[in-house]
């Protein structure tokens, strides 16, 4: 269910603003998206896992809040991030 250190580092490297950046909204959204994708696959296999469902809802909510922040404060980065992660149509 969780992502490996290597995969997380790869995602961070792809979205970081500068070397060593781990806390920018783009990086956080990208890591959350990866976790959500993996957890969604888990939920398809185990539909009655309600504890994981609750965790998935929390992750989606956290990502939504970060995306709202990005949309208000850095709209150009928001659009790029959405496009690159293929979150919206």
PDB file of N, CA and C in Angstrom:
ATOM      1  N   UNK A   1       0.802  -1.189   0.000  1.00  0.00           N
ATOM      2  CA  UNK A   1       0.000   0.000   0.000  1.00  0.00           C
ATOM      3  C   UNK A   1       0.849   1.259   0.000  1.00  0.00           C
ATOM      4  N   UNK A   2       1.847   1.319   0.849  1.00  0.00           N
ATOM      5  CA  UNK A   2       2.674   2.523   0.905  1.00  0.00           C
ATOM      6  C   UNK A   2       3.666   2.514  -0.250  1.00  0.00           C
ATOM      7  N   UNK A   3       4.251   3.668  -0.508  1.00  0.00           N
ATOM      8  CA  UNK A   3       5.213   3.752  -1.597  1.00  0.00           C
ATOM      9  C   UNK A   3       6.622   3.532  -1.053  1.00  0.00           C
ATOM     10  N   UNK A   4       7.473   3.032  -1.909  1.00  0.00           N
ATOM     11  CA  UNK A   4       8.846   2.760  -1.493  1.00  0.00           C
ATOM     12  C   UNK A   4       9.638   4.064  -1.432  1.00  0.00           C
ATOM     13  N   UNK A   5      10.757   4.019  -0.743  1.00  0.00           N
ATOM     14  CA  UNK A   5      11.619   5.200  -0.628  1.00  0.00           C
ATOM     15  C   UNK A   5      12.112   5.643  -2.003  1.00  0.00           C
ATOM     16  N   UNK A   6      12.425   4.661  -2.846  1.00  0.00           N
ATOM     17  CA  UNK A   6      12.934   4.973  -4.175  1.00  0.00           C
ATOM     18  C   UNK A   6      11.887   5.689  -5.018  1.00  0.00           C
ATOM     19  N   UNK A   7      10.649   5.184  -4.974  1.00  0.00           N
ATOM     20  CA  UNK A   7       9.569   5.790  -5.744  1.00  0.00           C
ATOM     21  C   UNK A   7       9.258   7.195  -5.237  1.00  0.00           C
ATOM     22  N   UNK A   8       9.261   7.360  -3.919  1.00  0.00           N
ATOM     23  CA  UNK A   8       9.010   8.668  -3.324  1.00  0.00           C
ATOM     24  C   UNK A   8      10.101   9.656  -3.723  1.00  0.00           C
ATOM     25  N   UNK A   9      11.359   9.217  -3.692  1.00  0.00           N
ATOM     26  CA  UNK A   9      12.471  10.076  -4.085  1.00  0.00           C
ATOM     27  C   UNK A   9      12.371  10.455  -5.559  1.00  0.00           C
ATOM     28  N   UNK A  10      11.941   9.517  -6.380  1.00  0.00           N
ATOM     29  CA  UNK A  10      11.783   9.777  -7.811  1.00  0.00           C
ATOM     30  C   UNK A  10      10.699  10.837  -8.057  1.00  0.00           C
ATOM     31  N   UNK A  11       9.581  10.704  -7.361  1.00  0.00           N
ATOM     32  CA  UNK A  11       8.489  11.663  -7.502  1.00  0.00           C
ATOM     33  C   UNK A  11       8.923  13.036  -7.006  1.00  0.00           C
ATOM     34  N   UNK A  12       9.622  13.068  -5.876  1.00  0.00           N
ATOM     35  CA  UNK A  12      10.112  14.337  -5.335  1.00  0.00           C
ATOM     36  C   UNK A  12      11.072  15.014  -6.307  1.00  0.00           C
ATOM     37  N   UNK A  13      11.966  14.232  -6.883  1.00  0.00           N
ATOM     38  CA  UNK A  13      12.943  14.782  -7.810  1.00  0.00           C
ATOM     39  C   UNK A  13      12.265  15.387  -9.034  1.00  0.00           C
ATOM     40  N   UNK A  14      11.194  14.774  -9.467  1.00  0.00           N
ATOM     41  CA  UNK A  14      10.481  15.246 -10.653  1.00  0.00           C
ATOM     42  C   UNK A  14       9.767  16.577 -10.400  1.00  0.00           C
ATOM     43  N   UNK A  15       9.250  16.793  -9.188  1.00  0.00           N
ATOM     44  CA  UNK A  15       8.425  17.963  -8.919  1.00  0.00           C
ATOM     45  C   UNK A  15       9.095  19.033  -8.053  1.00  0.00           C
ATOM     46  N   UNK A  16      10.301  18.805  -7.585  1.00  0.00           N
ATOM     47  CA  UNK A  16      10.925  19.776  -6.684  1.00  0.00           C
ATOM     48  C   UNK A  16      11.314  21.052  -7.425  1.00  0.00           C
ATOM     49  N   UNK A  17      11.269  22.168  -6.709  1.00  0.00           N
ATOM     50  CA  UNK A  17      11.628  23.470  -7.276  1.00  0.00           C
ATOM     51  C   UNK A  17      13.135  23.619  -7.380  1.00  0.00           C
ATOM     52  N   UNK A  18      13.846  23.144  -6.354  1.00  0.00           N
ATOM     53  CA  UNK A  18      15.308  23.170  -6.340  1.00  0.00           C
ATOM     54  C   UNK A  18      15.783  21.906  -5.646  1.00  0.00           C
ATOM     55  N   UNK A  19      17.060  21.640  -5.709  1.00  0.00           N
ATOM     56  CA  UNK A  19      17.608  20.422  -5.113  1.00  0.00           C
ATOM     57  C   UNK A  19      17.340  20.397  -3.610  1.00  0.00           C
ATOM     58  N   UNK A  20      16.810  19.293  -3.131  1.00  0.00           N
ATOM     59  CA  UNK A  20      16.534  19.127  -1.715  1.00  0.00           C
ATOM     60  C   UNK A  20      15.153  19.596  -1.288  1.00  0.00           C
ATOM     61  N   UNK A  21      14.346  20.055  -2.229  1.00  0.00           N
ATOM     62  CA  UNK A  21      13.007  20.546  -1.903  1.00  0.00           C
ATOM     63  C   UNK A  21      12.067  19.365  -1.665  1.00  0.00           C
ATOM     64  N   UNK A  22      11.533  19.281  -0.450  1.00  0.00           N
ATOM     65  CA  UNK A  22      10.607  18.204  -0.135  1.00  0.00           C
ATOM     66  C   UNK A  22       9.273  18.723   0.387  1.00  0.00           C
ATOM     67  N   UNK A  23       9.165  20.028   0.617  1.00  0.00           N
ATOM     68  CA  UNK A  23       7.979  20.548   1.266  1.00  0.00           C
ATOM     69  C   UNK A  23       7.124  21.467   0.432  1.00  0.00           C
ATOM     70  N   UNK A  24       7.509  21.741  -0.807  1.00  0.00           N
ATOM     71  CA  UNK A  24       6.698  22.631  -1.627  1.00  0.00           C
ATOM     72  C   UNK A  24       5.362  21.952  -1.939  1.00  0.00           C
ATOM     73  N   UNK A  25       4.333  22.732  -2.190  1.00  0.00           N
ATOM     74  CA  UNK A  25       3.011  22.148  -2.455  1.00  0.00           C
ATOM     75  C   UNK A  25       3.009  21.177  -3.635  1.00  0.00           C
ATOM     76  N   UNK A  26       3.803  21.471  -4.662  1.00  0.00           N
ATOM     77  CA  UNK A  26       3.838  20.582  -5.826  1.00  0.00           C
ATOM     78  C   UNK A  26       4.342  19.195  -5.442  1.00  0.00           C
ATOM     79  N   UNK A  27       5.395  19.159  -4.645  1.00  0.00           N
ATOM     80  CA  UNK A  27       5.971  17.881  -4.210  1.00  0.00           C
ATOM     81  C   UNK A  27       4.980  17.143  -3.320  1.00  0.00           C
ATOM     82  N   UNK A  28       4.352  17.853  -2.396  1.00  0.00           N
ATOM     83  CA  UNK A  28       3.397  17.215  -1.496  1.00  0.00           C
ATOM     84  C   UNK A  28       2.221  16.629  -2.265  1.00  0.00           C
ATOM     85  N   UNK A  29       1.701  17.374  -3.240  1.00  0.00           N
ATOM     86  CA  UNK A  29       0.575  16.884  -4.043  1.00  0.00           C
ATOM     87  C   UNK A  29       0.998  15.667  -4.852  1.00  0.00           C
ATOM     88  N   UNK A  30       2.193  15.694  -5.408  1.00  0.00           N
ATOM     89  CA  UNK A  30       2.676  14.570  -6.215  1.00  0.00           C
ATOM     90  C   UNK A  30       2.827  13.307  -5.369  1.00  0.00           C
ATOM     91  N   UNK A  31       3.391  13.437  -4.185  1.00  0.00           N
ATOM     92  CA  UNK A  31       3.567  12.274  -3.302  1.00  0.00           C
ATOM     93  C   UNK A  31       2.203  11.752  -2.847  1.00  0.00           C
ATOM     94  N   UNK A  32       1.310  12.655  -2.494  1.00  0.00           N
ATOM     95  CA  UNK A  32      -0.040  12.229  -2.090  1.00  0.00           C
ATOM     96  C   UNK A  32      -0.759  11.525  -3.236  1.00  0.00           C
ATOM     97  N   UNK A  33      -0.586  12.026  -4.446  1.00  0.00           N
ATOM     98  CA  UNK A  33      -1.225  11.402  -5.606  1.00  0.00           C
ATOM     99  C   UNK A  33      -0.710   9.984  -5.804  1.00  0.00           C
ATOM    100  N   UNK A  34       0.573   9.794  -5.629  1.00  0.00           N
ATOM    101  CA  UNK A  34       1.153   8.446  -5.753  1.00  0.00           C
ATOM    102  C   UNK A  34       0.570   7.514  -4.686  1.00  0.00           C
ATOM    103  N   UNK A  35       0.487   8.008  -3.462  1.00  0.00           N
ATOM    104  CA  UNK A  35      -0.083   7.194  -2.373  1.00  0.00           C
ATOM    105  C   UNK A  35      -1.556   6.887  -2.641  1.00  0.00           C
ATOM    106  N   UNK A  36      -2.302   7.867  -3.129  1.00  0.00           N
ATOM    107  CA  UNK A  36      -3.721   7.671  -3.422  1.00  0.00           C
ATOM    108  C   UNK A  36      -3.902   6.636  -4.521  1.00  0.00           C
ATOM    109  N   UNK A  37      -3.057   6.693  -5.530  1.00  0.00           N
ATOM    110  CA  UNK A  37      -3.138   5.724  -6.628  1.00  0.00           C
ATOM    111  C   UNK A  37      -2.923   4.299  -6.118  1.00  0.00           C
ATOM    112  N   UNK A  38      -1.908   4.123  -5.298  1.00  0.00           N
ATOM    113  CA  UNK A  38      -1.629   2.787  -4.761  1.00  0.00           C
ATOM    114  C   UNK A  38      -2.733   2.301  -3.827  1.00  0.00           C
ATOM    115  N   UNK A  39      -3.254   3.192  -3.023  1.00  0.00           N
ATOM    116  CA  UNK A  39      -4.313   2.816  -2.096  1.00  0.00           C
ATOM    117  C   UNK A  39      -5.611   2.515  -2.838  1.00  0.00           C
ATOM    118  N   UNK A  40      -5.847   3.200  -3.936  1.00  0.00           N
ATOM    119  CA  UNK A  40      -7.029   2.928  -4.752  1.00  0.00           C
ATOM    120  C   UNK A  40      -6.959   1.521  -5.337  1.00  0.00           C
ATOM    121  N   UNK A  41      -5.773   1.136  -5.789  1.00  0.00           N
ATOM    122  CA  UNK A  41      -5.599  -0.234  -6.299  1.00  0.00           C
ATOM    123  C   UNK A  41      -5.849  -1.255  -5.190  1.00  0.00           C
ATOM    124  N   UNK A  42      -5.387  -0.962  -3.995  1.00  0.00           N
ATOM    125  CA  UNK A  42      -5.623  -1.852  -2.855  1.00  0.00           C
ATOM    126  C   UNK A  42      -7.120  -1.974  -2.582  1.00  0.00           C
ATOM    127  N   UNK A  43      -7.828  -0.860  -2.666  1.00  0.00           N
ATOM    128  CA  UNK A  43      -9.262  -0.865  -2.386  1.00  0.00           C
ATOM    129  C   UNK A  43     -10.042  -1.649  -3.433  1.00  0.00           C
ATOM    130  N   UNK A  44      -9.548  -1.688  -4.668  1.00  0.00           N
ATOM    131  CA  UNK A  44     -10.202  -2.494  -5.702  1.00  0.00           C
ATOM    132  C   UNK A  44     -10.090  -3.981  -5.367  1.00  0.00           C
ATOM    133  N   UNK A  45      -8.971  -4.364  -4.786  1.00  0.00           N
ATOM    134  CA  UNK A  45      -8.752  -5.757  -4.440  1.00  0.00           C
ATOM    135  C   UNK A  45      -9.464  -6.145  -3.149  1.00  0.00           C
ATOM    136  N   UNK A  46      -9.525  -5.212  -2.198  1.00  0.00           N
ATOM    137  CA  UNK A  46     -10.143  -5.482  -0.897  1.00  0.00           C
ATOM    138  C   UNK A  46     -11.222  -4.434  -0.602  1.00  0.00           C
ATOM    139  N   UNK A  47     -12.395  -4.569  -1.201  1.00  0.00           N
ATOM    140  CA  UNK A  47     -13.428  -3.530  -1.065  1.00  0.00           C
ATOM    141  C   UNK A  47     -13.996  -3.373   0.344  1.00  0.00           C
ATOM    142  N   UNK A  48     -13.837  -4.338   1.213  1.00  0.00           N
ATOM    143  CA  UNK A  48     -14.393  -4.240   2.563  1.00  0.00           C
ATOM    144  C   UNK A  48     -13.382  -3.751   3.594  1.00  0.00           C
ATOM    145  N   UNK A  49     -12.238  -3.277   3.142  1.00  0.00           N
ATOM    146  CA  UNK A  49     -11.213  -2.765   4.043  1.00  0.00           C
ATOM    147  C   UNK A  49     -11.559  -1.316   4.405  1.00  0.00           C
ATOM    148  N   UNK A  50     -12.381  -1.167   5.413  1.00  0.00           N
ATOM    149  CA  UNK A  50     -12.914   0.152   5.752  1.00  0.00           C
ATOM    150  C   UNK A  50     -11.879   1.058   6.420  1.00  0.00           C
ATOM    151  N   UNK A  51     -10.915   0.488   7.104  1.00  0.00           N
ATOM    152  CA  UNK A  51      -9.865   1.306   7.708  1.00  0.00           C
ATOM    153  C   UNK A  51      -9.010   1.959   6.625  1.00  0.00           C
ATOM    154  N   UNK A  52      -8.702   1.221   5.581  1.00  0.00           N
ATOM    155  CA  UNK A  52      -7.935   1.792   4.479  1.00  0.00           C
ATOM    156  C   UNK A  52      -8.775   2.807   3.719  1.00  0.00           C
ATOM    157  N   UNK A  53     -10.062   2.569   3.619  1.00  0.00           N
ATOM    158  CA  UNK A  53     -10.953   3.520   2.953  1.00  0.00           C
ATOM    159  C   UNK A  53     -10.927   4.871   3.688  1.00  0.00           C
ATOM    160  N   UNK A  54     -10.959   4.813   5.011  1.00  0.00           N
ATOM    161  CA  UNK A  54     -10.900   6.029   5.819  1.00  0.00           C
ATOM    162  C   UNK A  54      -9.584   6.772   5.574  1.00  0.00           C
ATOM    163  N   UNK A  55      -8.488   6.027   5.535  1.00  0.00           N
ATOM    164  CA  UNK A  55      -7.186   6.634   5.258  1.00  0.00           C
ATOM    165  C   UNK A  55      -7.139   7.257   3.870  1.00  0.00           C
ATOM    166  N   UNK A  56      -7.750   6.588   2.906  1.00  0.00           N
ATOM    167  CA  UNK A  56      -7.803   7.105   1.539  1.00  0.00           C
ATOM    168  C   UNK A  56      -8.568   8.424   1.502  1.00  0.00           C
ATOM    169  N   UNK A  57      -9.676   8.486   2.195  1.00  0.00           N
ATOM    170  CA  UNK A  57     -10.467   9.718   2.232  1.00  0.00           C
ATOM    171  C   UNK A  57      -9.678  10.859   2.876  1.00  0.00           C
ATOM    172  N   UNK A  58      -8.894  10.555   3.901  1.00  0.00           N
ATOM    173  CA  UNK A  58      -8.067  11.580   4.539  1.00  0.00           C
ATOM    174  C   UNK A  58      -6.996  12.096   3.574  1.00  0.00           C
ATOM    175  N   UNK A  59      -6.386  11.179   2.809  1.00  0.00           N
ATOM    176  CA  UNK A  59      -5.360  11.584   1.854  1.00  0.00           C
ATOM    177  C   UNK A  59      -5.954  12.460   0.750  1.00  0.00           C
ATOM    178  N   UNK A  60      -7.120  12.073   0.258  1.00  0.00           N
ATOM    179  CA  UNK A  60      -7.777  12.852  -0.795  1.00  0.00           C
ATOM    180  C   UNK A  60      -8.127  14.243  -0.280  1.00  0.00           C
ATOM    181  N   UNK A  61      -8.596  14.320   0.952  1.00  0.00           N
ATOM    182  CA  UNK A  61      -8.937  15.604   1.552  1.00  0.00           C
ATOM    183  C   UNK A  61      -7.704  16.481   1.710  1.00  0.00           C
ATOM    184  N   UNK A  62      -6.605  15.909   2.142  1.00  0.00           N
ATOM    185  CA  UNK A  62      -5.363  16.664   2.312  1.00  0.00           C
ATOM    186  C   UNK A  62      -4.866  17.187   0.962  1.00  0.00           C
ATOM    187  N   UNK A  63      -4.945  16.333  -0.065  1.00  0.00           N
ATOM    188  CA  UNK A  63      -4.518  16.759  -1.403  1.00  0.00           C
ATOM    189  C   UNK A  63      -5.416  17.882  -1.917  1.00  0.00           C
ATOM    190  N   UNK A  64      -6.724  17.762  -1.658  1.00  0.00           N
ATOM    191  CA  UNK A  64      -7.667  18.790  -2.089  1.00  0.00           C
ATOM    192  C   UNK A  64      -7.338  20.147  -1.458  1.00  0.00           C
ATOM    193  N   UNK A  65      -7.001  20.139  -0.169  1.00  0.00           N
ATOM    194  CA  UNK A  65      -6.646  21.379   0.521  1.00  0.00           C
ATOM    195  C   UNK A  65      -5.381  21.999  -0.074  1.00  0.00           C
ATOM    196  N   UNK A  66      -4.393  21.167  -0.363  1.00  0.00           N
ATOM    197  CA  UNK A  66      -3.162  21.675  -0.972  1.00  0.00           C
ATOM    198  C   UNK A  66      -3.423  22.241  -2.364  1.00  0.00           C
ATOM    199  N   UNK A  67      -4.275  21.569  -3.132  1.00  0.00           N
ATOM    200  CA  UNK A  67      -4.602  22.060  -4.470  1.00  0.00           C
ATOM    201  C   UNK A  67      -5.373  23.375  -4.407  1.00  0.00           C
ATOM    202  N   UNK A  68      -6.259  23.511  -3.435  1.00  0.00           N
ATOM    203  CA  UNK A  68      -6.975  24.783  -3.264  1.00  0.00           C
ATOM    204  C   UNK A  68      -6.004  25.912  -2.945  1.00  0.00           C
ATOM    205  N   UNK A  69      -5.037  25.617  -2.082  1.00  0.00           N
ATOM    206  CA  UNK A  69      -4.011  26.609  -1.740  1.00  0.00           C
ATOM    207  C   UNK A  69      -3.236  27.018  -2.994  1.00  0.00           C
ATOM    208  N   UNK A  70      -2.822  26.026  -3.775  1.00  0.00           N
ATOM    209  CA  UNK A  70      -2.063  26.317  -4.987  1.00  0.00           C
ATOM    210  C   UNK A  70      -2.890  27.134  -5.974  1.00  0.00           C
ATOM    211  N   UNK A  71      -4.151  26.818  -6.088  1.00  0.00           N
ATOM    212  CA  UNK A  71      -5.024  27.523  -7.033  1.00  0.00           C
ATOM    213  C   UNK A  71      -5.150  28.997  -6.648  1.00  0.00           C
ATOM    214  N   UNK A  72      -5.186  29.289  -5.343  1.00  0.00           N
ATOM    215  CA  UNK A  72      -5.308  30.673  -4.876  1.00  0.00           C
ATOM    216  C   UNK A  72      -3.995  31.438  -4.997  1.00  0.00           C
ATOM    217  N   UNK A  73      -2.892  30.815  -4.633  1.00  0.00           N
ATOM    218  CA  UNK A  73      -1.638  31.549  -4.494  1.00  0.00           C
ATOM    219  C   UNK A  73      -0.679  31.419  -5.681  1.00  0.00           C
ATOM    220  N   UNK A  74      -0.647  30.263  -6.311  1.00  0.00           N
ATOM    221  CA  UNK A  74       0.262  30.052  -7.448  1.00  0.00           C
ATOM    222  C   UNK A  74      -0.483  29.332  -8.581  1.00  0.00           C
ATOM    223  N   UNK A  75      -1.389  30.055  -9.269  1.00  0.00           N
ATOM    224  CA  UNK A  75      -2.245  29.413 -10.273  1.00  0.00           C
ATOM    225  C   UNK A  75      -1.492  28.803 -11.454  1.00  0.00           C
ATOM    226  N   UNK A  76      -0.371  29.391 -11.856  1.00  0.00           N
ATOM    227  CA  UNK A  76       0.368  28.835 -12.996  1.00  0.00           C
ATOM    228  C   UNK A  76       0.965  27.474 -12.636  1.00  0.00           C
ATOM    229  N   UNK A  77       1.490  27.353 -11.439  1.00  0.00           N
ATOM    230  CA  UNK A  77       2.046  26.074 -10.975  1.00  0.00           C
ATOM    231  C   UNK A  77       0.929  25.062 -10.772  1.00  0.00           C
ATOM    232  N   UNK A  78      -0.218  25.532 -10.285  1.00  0.00           N
ATOM    233  CA  UNK A  78      -1.391  24.669 -10.102  1.00  0.00           C
ATOM    234  C   UNK A  78      -1.762  24.006 -11.425  1.00  0.00           C
ATOM    235  N   UNK A  79      -1.858  24.809 -12.485  1.00  0.00           N
ATOM    236  CA  UNK A  79      -2.251  24.279 -13.788  1.00  0.00           C
ATOM    237  C   UNK A  79      -1.233  23.261 -14.301  1.00  0.00           C
ATOM    238  N   UNK A  80       0.038  23.557 -14.140  1.00  0.00           N
ATOM    239  CA  UNK A  80       1.082  22.634 -14.594  1.00  0.00           C
ATOM    240  C   UNK A  80       1.033  21.315 -13.821  1.00  0.00           C
ATOM    241  N   UNK A  81       0.862  21.424 -12.513  1.00  0.00           N
ATOM    242  CA  UNK A  81       0.842  20.235 -11.664  1.00  0.00           C
ATOM    243  C   UNK A  81      -0.346  19.344 -12.000  1.00  0.00           C
ATOM    244  N   UNK A  82      -1.508  19.946 -12.147  1.00  0.00           N
ATOM    245  CA  UNK A  82      -2.716  19.199 -12.509  1.00  0.00           C
ATOM    246  C   UNK A  82      -2.531  18.480 -13.843  1.00  0.00           C
ATOM    247  N   UNK A  83      -1.963  19.189 -14.787  1.00  0.00           N
ATOM    248  CA  UNK A  83      -1.750  18.617 -16.116  1.00  0.00           C
ATOM    249  C   UNK A  83      -0.754  17.455 -16.068  1.00  0.00           C
ATOM    250  N   UNK A  84       0.336  17.652 -15.338  1.00  0.00           N
ATOM    251  CA  UNK A  84       1.386  16.645 -15.291  1.00  0.00           C
ATOM    252  C   UNK A  84       0.949  15.385 -14.535  1.00  0.00           C
ATOM    253  N   UNK A  85       0.151  15.567 -13.467  1.00  0.00           N
ATOM    254  CA  UNK A  85      -0.311  14.419 -12.683  1.00  0.00           C
ATOM    255  C   UNK A  85      -1.568  13.776 -13.248  1.00  0.00           C
ATOM    256  N   UNK A  86      -2.194  14.455 -14.222  1.00  0.00           N
ATOM    257  CA  UNK A  86      -3.433  13.957 -14.848  1.00  0.00           C
ATOM    258  C   UNK A  86      -4.512  13.716 -13.806  1.00  0.00           C
ATOM    259  N   UNK A  87      -4.700  14.713 -12.924  1.00  0.00           N
ATOM    260  CA  UNK A  87      -5.710  14.598 -11.882  1.00  0.00           C
ATOM    261  C   UNK A  87      -7.079  14.979 -12.406  1.00  0.00           C
ATOM    262  N   UNK A  88      -7.153  16.055 -13.168  1.00  0.00           N
ATOM    263  CA  UNK A  88      -8.423  16.550 -13.693  1.00  0.00           C
ATOM    264  C   UNK A  88      -8.458  16.346 -15.195  1.00  0.00           C
ATOM    265  N   UNK A  89      -9.658  16.474 -15.738  1.00  0.00           N
ATOM    266  CA  UNK A  89      -9.798  16.362 -17.210  1.00  0.00           C
ATOM    267  C   UNK A  89      -9.583  17.699 -17.860  1.00  0.00           C
TER     268      UNK A  89
END
